[in-house]
Amino acid sequence: MYINMSYGYEDIDRIIDFKTWTTRKKIDELFRIDTYMYTNLGTDSTKLEKEAVKKKSRAIYKAISKINPEVGKNLIYQMDK
């Protein structure tokens, strides 16, 4: 039986702490959350909404750097360019 649990931004710490998930699965889920936030932005999104998503995205990248420092640091570096 396959149970599809949908995780969101508020579940970042929970995802990092999962013992049964591989590093790859944790990072994939964090990327899924990140892309979901960005795909929900539209041309009608306010500057405040866009900034909020960017701030959450940075938090996700910091979480990724706890799992894989090299990948996380590269993501944060690219965001700051």
PDB file of N, CA and C in Angstrom:
ATOM      1  N   MET A   1       0.841  -1.170   0.000  1.00  0.00           N
ATOM      2  CA  MET A   1       0.000   0.000   0.000  1.00  0.00           C
ATOM      3  C   MET A   1       0.895   1.246   0.000  1.00  0.00           C
ATOM      4  N   TYR A   2       0.597   2.183  -0.871  1.00  0.00           N
ATOM      5  CA  TYR A   2       1.363   3.417  -0.987  1.00  0.00           C
ATOM      6  C   TYR A   2       0.557   4.550  -0.384  1.00  0.00           C
ATOM      7  N   ILE A   3       1.157   5.225   0.591  1.00  0.00           N
ATOM      8  CA  ILE A   3       0.494   6.367   1.213  1.00  0.00           C
ATOM      9  C   ILE A   3       1.219   7.613   0.760  1.00  0.00           C
ATOM     10  N   ASN A   4       0.497   8.500   0.123  1.00  0.00           N
ATOM     11  CA  ASN A   4       1.086   9.738  -0.373  1.00  0.00           C
ATOM     12  C   ASN A   4       0.837  10.844   0.637  1.00  0.00           C
ATOM     13  N   MET A   5       1.857  11.138   1.418  1.00  0.00           N
ATOM     14  CA  MET A   5       1.744  12.226   2.376  1.00  0.00           C
ATOM     15  C   MET A   5       2.309  13.472   1.721  1.00  0.00           C
ATOM     16  N   SER A   6       1.594  14.542   1.835  1.00  0.00           N
ATOM     17  CA  SER A   6       2.067  15.786   1.260  1.00  0.00           C
ATOM     18  C   SER A   6       2.659  16.644   2.371  1.00  0.00           C
ATOM     19  N   TYR A   7       3.919  16.975   2.217  1.00  0.00           N
ATOM     20  CA  TYR A   7       4.602  17.795   3.196  1.00  0.00           C
ATOM     21  C   TYR A   7       4.698  19.222   2.683  1.00  0.00           C
ATOM     22  N   GLY A   8       4.767  20.150   3.615  1.00  0.00           N
ATOM     23  CA  GLY A   8       4.867  21.555   3.257  1.00  0.00           C
ATOM     24  C   GLY A   8       6.026  22.224   3.970  1.00  0.00           C
ATOM     25  N   TYR A   9       6.113  23.518   3.786  1.00  0.00           N
ATOM     26  CA  TYR A   9       7.206  24.301   4.355  1.00  0.00           C
ATOM     27  C   TYR A   9       7.357  24.081   5.858  1.00  0.00           C
ATOM     28  N   GLU A  10       6.256  23.970   6.558  1.00  0.00           N
ATOM     29  CA  GLU A  10       6.293  23.816   8.015  1.00  0.00           C
ATOM     30  C   GLU A  10       6.855  22.458   8.454  1.00  0.00           C
ATOM     31  N   ASP A  11       7.050  21.551   7.524  1.00  0.00           N
ATOM     32  CA  ASP A  11       7.553  20.209   7.833  1.00  0.00           C
ATOM     33  C   ASP A  11       9.056  20.041   7.595  1.00  0.00           C
ATOM     34  N   ILE A  12       9.761  21.116   7.310  1.00  0.00           N
ATOM     35  CA  ILE A  12      11.189  21.026   6.968  1.00  0.00           C
ATOM     36  C   ILE A  12      11.984  20.277   8.037  1.00  0.00           C
ATOM     37  N   ASP A  13      11.849  20.696   9.286  1.00  0.00           N
ATOM     38  CA  ASP A  13      12.624  20.057  10.359  1.00  0.00           C
ATOM     39  C   ASP A  13      12.266  18.588  10.519  1.00  0.00           C
ATOM     40  N   ARG A  14      11.003  18.285  10.333  1.00  0.00           N
ATOM     41  CA  ARG A  14      10.545  16.898  10.420  1.00  0.00           C
ATOM     42  C   ARG A  14      11.193  16.038   9.343  1.00  0.00           C
ATOM     43  N   ILE A  15      11.250  16.578   8.145  1.00  0.00           N
ATOM     44  CA  ILE A  15      11.834  15.854   7.014  1.00  0.00           C
ATOM     45  C   ILE A  15      13.314  15.579   7.268  1.00  0.00           C
ATOM     46  N   ILE A  16      14.029  16.570   7.749  1.00  0.00           N
ATOM     47  CA  ILE A  16      15.457  16.404   8.034  1.00  0.00           C
ATOM     48  C   ILE A  16      15.693  15.292   9.052  1.00  0.00           C
ATOM     49  N   ASP A  17      14.799  15.177  10.017  1.00  0.00           N
ATOM     50  CA  ASP A  17      14.976  14.206  11.097  1.00  0.00           C
ATOM     51  C   ASP A  17      14.506  12.792  10.773  1.00  0.00           C
ATOM     52  N   PHE A  18      13.882  12.582   9.616  1.00  0.00           N
ATOM     53  CA  PHE A  18      13.431  11.239   9.268  1.00  0.00           C
ATOM     54  C   PHE A  18      14.617  10.285   9.206  1.00  0.00           C
ATOM     55  N   LYS A  19      14.545   9.209   9.959  1.00  0.00           N
ATOM     56  CA  LYS A  19      15.633   8.225   9.998  1.00  0.00           C
ATOM     57  C   LYS A  19      15.515   7.184   8.884  1.00  0.00           C
ATOM     58  N   THR A  20      14.291   6.950   8.412  1.00  0.00           N
ATOM     59  CA  THR A  20      14.082   5.906   7.406  1.00  0.00           C
ATOM     60  C   THR A  20      14.242   6.427   5.976  1.00  0.00           C
ATOM     61  N   TRP A  21      14.366   7.733   5.811  1.00  0.00           N
ATOM     62  CA  TRP A  21      14.517   8.312   4.482  1.00  0.00           C
ATOM     63  C   TRP A  21      15.986   8.450   4.130  1.00  0.00           C
ATOM     64  N   THR A  22      16.300   8.219   2.878  1.00  0.00           N
ATOM     65  CA  THR A  22      17.665   8.432   2.398  1.00  0.00           C
ATOM     66  C   THR A  22      17.913   9.932   2.248  1.00  0.00           C
ATOM     67  N   THR A  23      19.173  10.278   2.153  1.00  0.00           N
ATOM     68  CA  THR A  23      19.543  11.676   1.920  1.00  0.00           C
ATOM     69  C   THR A  23      18.890  12.178   0.643  1.00  0.00           C
ATOM     70  N   ARG A  24      18.920  11.368  -0.370  1.00  0.00           N
ATOM     71  CA  ARG A  24      18.340  11.736  -1.671  1.00  0.00           C
ATOM     72  C   ARG A  24      16.843  12.032  -1.549  1.00  0.00           C
ATOM     73  N   LYS A  25      16.131  11.175  -0.829  1.00  0.00           N
ATOM     74  CA  LYS A  25      14.685  11.354  -0.684  1.00  0.00           C
ATOM     75  C   LYS A  25      14.371  12.634   0.087  1.00  0.00           C
ATOM     76  N   LYS A  26      15.145  12.922   1.124  1.00  0.00           N
ATOM     77  CA  LYS A  26      14.935  14.144   1.908  1.00  0.00           C
ATOM     78  C   LYS A  26      15.141  15.386   1.032  1.00  0.00           C
ATOM     79  N   ILE A  27      16.240  15.400   0.275  1.00  0.00           N
ATOM     80  CA  ILE A  27      16.525  16.550  -0.582  1.00  0.00           C
ATOM     81  C   ILE A  27      15.476  16.681  -1.675  1.00  0.00           C
ATOM     82  N   ASP A  28      15.058  15.570  -2.259  1.00  0.00           N
ATOM     83  CA  ASP A  28      14.017  15.601  -3.288  1.00  0.00           C
ATOM     84  C   ASP A  28      12.722  16.206  -2.743  1.00  0.00           C
ATOM     85  N   GLU A  29      12.355  15.821  -1.534  1.00  0.00           N
ATOM     86  CA  GLU A  29      11.118  16.347  -0.943  1.00  0.00           C
ATOM     87  C   GLU A  29      11.249  17.836  -0.639  1.00  0.00           C
ATOM     88  N   LEU A  30      12.413  18.258  -0.171  1.00  0.00           N
ATOM     89  CA  LEU A  30      12.620  19.688   0.085  1.00  0.00           C
ATOM     90  C   LEU A  30      12.569  20.480  -1.223  1.00  0.00           C
ATOM     91  N   PHE A  31      13.140  19.938  -2.292  1.00  0.00           N
ATOM     92  CA  PHE A  31      13.038  20.597  -3.600  1.00  0.00           C
ATOM     93  C   PHE A  31      11.589  20.636  -4.086  1.00  0.00           C
ATOM     94  N   ARG A  32      10.840  19.571  -3.828  1.00  0.00           N
ATOM     95  CA  ARG A  32       9.431  19.554  -4.241  1.00  0.00           C
ATOM     96  C   ARG A  32       8.672  20.679  -3.549  1.00  0.00           C
ATOM     97  N   ILE A  33       8.912  20.851  -2.257  1.00  0.00           N
ATOM     98  CA  ILE A  33       8.255  21.921  -1.501  1.00  0.00           C
ATOM     99  C   ILE A  33       8.643  23.277  -2.082  1.00  0.00           C
ATOM    100  N   ASP A  34       9.927  23.444  -2.379  1.00  0.00           N
ATOM    101  CA  ASP A  34      10.427  24.706  -2.925  1.00  0.00           C
ATOM    102  C   ASP A  34       9.783  25.023  -4.271  1.00  0.00           C
ATOM    103  N   THR A  35       9.758  24.029  -5.156  1.00  0.00           N
ATOM    104  CA  THR A  35       9.172  24.276  -6.477  1.00  0.00           C
ATOM    105  C   THR A  35       7.674  24.521  -6.393  1.00  0.00           C
ATOM    106  N   TYR A  36       7.000  23.866  -5.466  1.00  0.00           N
ATOM    107  CA  TYR A  36       5.562  24.082  -5.284  1.00  0.00           C
ATOM    108  C   TYR A  36       5.286  25.534  -4.906  1.00  0.00           C
ATOM    109  N   MET A  37       6.112  26.079  -4.008  1.00  0.00           N
ATOM    110  CA  MET A  37       5.913  27.478  -3.598  1.00  0.00           C
ATOM    111  C   MET A  37       6.092  28.420  -4.782  1.00  0.00           C
ATOM    112  N   TYR A  38       7.135  28.182  -5.583  1.00  0.00           N
ATOM    113  CA  TYR A  38       7.391  29.065  -6.721  1.00  0.00           C
ATOM    114  C   TYR A  38       6.337  28.921  -7.813  1.00  0.00           C
ATOM    115  N   THR A  39       5.829  27.718  -8.018  1.00  0.00           N
ATOM    116  CA  THR A  39       4.816  27.545  -9.065  1.00  0.00           C
ATOM    117  C   THR A  39       3.482  28.163  -8.675  1.00  0.00           C
ATOM    118  N   ASN A  40       3.277  28.403  -7.396  1.00  0.00           N
ATOM    119  CA  ASN A  40       2.051  29.056  -6.963  1.00  0.00           C
ATOM    120  C   ASN A  40       2.129  30.577  -7.049  1.00  0.00           C
ATOM    121  N   LEU A  41       3.304  31.097  -7.365  1.00  0.00           N
ATOM    122  CA  LEU A  41       3.417  32.528  -7.627  1.00  0.00           C
ATOM    123  C   LEU A  41       2.959  32.779  -9.048  1.00  0.00           C
ATOM    124  N   GLY A  42       2.337  33.900  -9.251  1.00  0.00           N
ATOM    125  CA  GLY A  42       1.877  34.231 -10.588  1.00  0.00           C
ATOM    126  C   GLY A  42       2.192  35.675 -10.917  1.00  0.00           C
ATOM    127  N   THR A  43       1.759  36.088 -12.072  1.00  0.00           N
ATOM    128  CA  THR A  43       1.986  37.474 -12.478  1.00  0.00           C
ATOM    129  C   THR A  43       1.232  38.451 -11.583  1.00  0.00           C
ATOM    130  N   ASP A  44       0.213  37.950 -10.911  1.00  0.00           N
ATOM    131  CA  ASP A  44      -0.573  38.810 -10.023  1.00  0.00           C
ATOM    132  C   ASP A  44      -0.067  38.783  -8.573  1.00  0.00           C
ATOM    133  N   SER A  45       1.012  38.055  -8.312  1.00  0.00           N
ATOM    134  CA  SER A  45       1.570  37.985  -6.957  1.00  0.00           C
ATOM    135  C   SER A  45       2.215  39.316  -6.588  1.00  0.00           C
ATOM    136  N   THR A  46       2.029  39.703  -5.351  1.00  0.00           N
ATOM    137  CA  THR A  46       2.602  40.956  -4.887  1.00  0.00           C
ATOM    138  C   THR A  46       4.085  40.785  -4.595  1.00  0.00           C
ATOM    139  N   LYS A  47       4.763  41.909  -4.472  1.00  0.00           N
ATOM    140  CA  LYS A  47       6.178  41.884  -4.143  1.00  0.00           C
ATOM    141  C   LYS A  47       6.387  41.227  -2.780  1.00  0.00           C
ATOM    142  N   LEU A  48       5.491  41.481  -1.864  1.00  0.00           N
ATOM    143  CA  LEU A  48       5.561  40.901  -0.528  1.00  0.00           C
ATOM    144  C   LEU A  48       5.454  39.380  -0.583  1.00  0.00           C
ATOM    145  N   GLU A  49       4.548  38.853  -1.411  1.00  0.00           N
ATOM    146  CA  GLU A  49       4.389  37.406  -1.568  1.00  0.00           C
ATOM    147  C   GLU A  49       5.652  36.783  -2.173  1.00  0.00           C
ATOM    148  N   LYS A  50       6.227  37.453  -3.158  1.00  0.00           N
ATOM    149  CA  LYS A  50       7.449  36.950  -3.791  1.00  0.00           C
ATOM    150  C   LYS A  50       8.612  36.939  -2.812  1.00  0.00           C
ATOM    151  N   GLU A  51       8.717  37.976  -1.999  1.00  0.00           N
ATOM    152  CA  GLU A  51       9.783  38.037  -0.999  1.00  0.00           C
ATOM    153  C   GLU A  51       9.607  36.957   0.069  1.00  0.00           C
ATOM    154  N   ALA A  52       8.355  36.678   0.440  1.00  0.00           N
ATOM    155  CA  ALA A  52       8.081  35.636   1.433  1.00  0.00           C
ATOM    156  C   ALA A  52       8.511  34.266   0.909  1.00  0.00           C
ATOM    157  N   VAL A  53       8.239  33.993  -0.357  1.00  0.00           N
ATOM    158  CA  VAL A  53       8.636  32.719  -0.953  1.00  0.00           C
ATOM    159  C   VAL A  53      10.161  32.630  -1.020  1.00  0.00           C
ATOM    160  N   LYS A  54      10.806  33.719  -1.372  1.00  0.00           N
ATOM    161  CA  LYS A  54      12.270  33.713  -1.437  1.00  0.00           C
ATOM    162  C   LYS A  54      12.869  33.451  -0.055  1.00  0.00           C
ATOM    163  N   LYS A  55      12.285  34.030   0.969  1.00  0.00           N
ATOM    164  CA  LYS A  55      12.761  33.821   2.342  1.00  0.00           C
ATOM    165  C   LYS A  55      12.579  32.357   2.761  1.00  0.00           C
ATOM    166  N   LYS A  56      11.425  31.779   2.418  1.00  0.00           N
ATOM    167  CA  LYS A  56      11.176  30.373   2.729  1.00  0.00           C
ATOM    168  C   LYS A  56      12.126  29.472   1.941  1.00  0.00           C
ATOM    169  N   SER A  57      12.396  29.857   0.700  1.00  0.00           N
ATOM    170  CA  SER A  57      13.300  29.088  -0.137  1.00  0.00           C
ATOM    171  C   SER A  57      14.699  29.072   0.475  1.00  0.00           C
ATOM    172  N   ARG A  58      15.142  30.199   0.993  1.00  0.00           N
ATOM    173  CA  ARG A  58      16.448  30.265   1.657  1.00  0.00           C
ATOM    174  C   ARG A  58      16.480  29.318   2.856  1.00  0.00           C
ATOM    175  N   ALA A  59      15.384  29.261   3.617  1.00  0.00           N
ATOM    176  CA  ALA A  59      15.313  28.357   4.767  1.00  0.00           C
ATOM    177  C   ALA A  59      15.399  26.900   4.308  1.00  0.00           C
ATOM    178  N   ILE A  60      14.777  26.591   3.184  1.00  0.00           N
ATOM    179  CA  ILE A  60      14.853  25.233   2.633  1.00  0.00           C
ATOM    180  C   ILE A  60      16.289  24.915   2.223  1.00  0.00           C
ATOM    181  N   TYR A  61      16.965  25.864   1.593  1.00  0.00           N
ATOM    182  CA  TYR A  61      18.350  25.637   1.172  1.00  0.00           C
ATOM    183  C   TYR A  61      19.268  25.460   2.382  1.00  0.00           C
ATOM    184  N   LYS A  62      19.000  26.187   3.450  1.00  0.00           N
ATOM    185  CA  LYS A  62      19.779  26.008   4.678  1.00  0.00           C
ATOM    186  C   LYS A  62      19.532  24.614   5.259  1.00  0.00           C
ATOM    187  N   ALA A  63      18.296  24.141   5.161  1.00  0.00           N
ATOM    188  CA  ALA A  63      17.988  22.786   5.619  1.00  0.00           C
ATOM    189  C   ALA A  63      18.721  21.756   4.766  1.00  0.00           C
ATOM    190  N   ILE A  64      18.763  21.993   3.464  1.00  0.00           N
ATOM    191  CA  ILE A  64      19.486  21.090   2.569  1.00  0.00           C
ATOM    192  C   ILE A  64      20.968  21.075   2.924  1.00  0.00           C
ATOM    193  N   SER A  65      21.513  22.226   3.326  1.00  0.00           N
ATOM    194  CA  SER A  65      22.930  22.264   3.676  1.00  0.00           C
ATOM    195  C   SER A  65      23.224  21.474   4.948  1.00  0.00           C
ATOM    196  N   LYS A  66      22.214  21.225   5.770  1.00  0.00           N
ATOM    197  CA  LYS A  66      22.396  20.354   6.940  1.00  0.00           C
ATOM    198  C   LYS A  66      22.517  18.893   6.508  1.00  0.00           C
ATOM    199  N   ILE A  67      21.874  18.560   5.406  1.00  0.00           N
ATOM    200  CA  ILE A  67      21.897  17.197   4.879  1.00  0.00           C
ATOM    201  C   ILE A  67      23.113  16.994   3.985  1.00  0.00           C
ATOM    202  N   ASN A  68      23.319  17.952   3.077  1.00  0.00           N
ATOM    203  CA  ASN A  68      24.430  17.899   2.131  1.00  0.00           C
ATOM    204  C   ASN A  68      25.018  19.309   2.028  1.00  0.00           C
ATOM    205  N   PRO A  69      26.048  19.601   2.820  1.00  0.00           N
ATOM    206  CA  PRO A  69      26.605  20.957   2.871  1.00  0.00           C
ATOM    207  C   PRO A  69      27.022  21.531   1.518  1.00  0.00           C
ATOM    208  N   GLU A  70      27.593  20.716   0.671  1.00  0.00           N
ATOM    209  CA  GLU A  70      28.051  21.218  -0.624  1.00  0.00           C
ATOM    210  C   GLU A  70      26.888  21.722  -1.482  1.00  0.00           C
ATOM    211  N   VAL A  71      25.845  20.922  -1.578  1.00  0.00           N
ATOM    212  CA  VAL A  71      24.678  21.301  -2.384  1.00  0.00           C
ATOM    213  C   VAL A  71      23.995  22.527  -1.777  1.00  0.00           C
ATOM    214  N   GLY A  72      23.774  22.509  -0.476  1.00  0.00           N
ATOM    215  CA  GLY A  72      23.102  23.620   0.184  1.00  0.00           C
ATOM    216  C   GLY A  72      23.845  24.929   0.040  1.00  0.00           C
ATOM    217  N   LYS A  73      25.152  24.894   0.231  1.00  0.00           N
ATOM    218  CA  LYS A  73      25.950  26.120   0.108  1.00  0.00           C
ATOM    219  C   LYS A  73      25.940  26.647  -1.319  1.00  0.00           C
ATOM    220  N   ASN A  74      25.973  25.751  -2.307  1.00  0.00           N
ATOM    221  CA  ASN A  74      25.900  26.186  -3.705  1.00  0.00           C
ATOM    222  C   ASN A  74      24.562  26.837  -4.016  1.00  0.00           C
ATOM    223  N   LEU A  75      23.487  26.297  -3.471  1.00  0.00           N
ATOM    224  CA  LEU A  75      22.166  26.885  -3.701  1.00  0.00           C
ATOM    225  C   LEU A  75      22.077  28.284  -3.103  1.00  0.00           C
ATOM    226  N   ILE A  76      22.560  28.431  -1.893  1.00  0.00           N
ATOM    227  CA  ILE A  76      22.536  29.735  -1.214  1.00  0.00           C
ATOM    228  C   ILE A  76      23.430  30.733  -1.965  1.00  0.00           C
ATOM    229  N   TYR A  77      24.584  30.270  -2.414  1.00  0.00           N
ATOM    230  CA  TYR A  77      25.478  31.130  -3.196  1.00  0.00           C
ATOM    231  C   TYR A  77      24.787  31.643  -4.459  1.00  0.00           C
ATOM    232  N   GLN A  78      24.120  30.751  -5.173  1.00  0.00           N
ATOM    233  CA  GLN A  78      23.433  31.143  -6.406  1.00  0.00           C
ATOM    234  C   GLN A  78      22.282  32.094  -6.115  1.00  0.00           C
ATOM    235  N   MET A  79      21.642  31.917  -4.987  1.00  0.00           N
ATOM    236  CA  MET A  79      20.531  32.799  -4.619  1.00  0.00           C
ATOM    237  C   MET A  79      21.040  34.208  -4.329  1.00  0.00           C
ATOM    238  N   ASP A  80      22.234  34.306  -3.775  1.00  0.00           N
ATOM    239  CA  ASP A  80      22.796  35.603  -3.396  1.00  0.00           C
ATOM    240  C   ASP A  80      23.463  36.338  -4.539  1.00  0.00           C
ATOM    241  N   LYS A  81      23.670  35.682  -5.670  1.00  0.00           N
ATOM    242  CA  LYS A  81      24.333  36.320  -6.824  1.00  0.00           C
ATOM    243  C   LYS A  81      23.556  37.497  -7.331  1.00  0.00           C
TER     244      LYS A  81
END
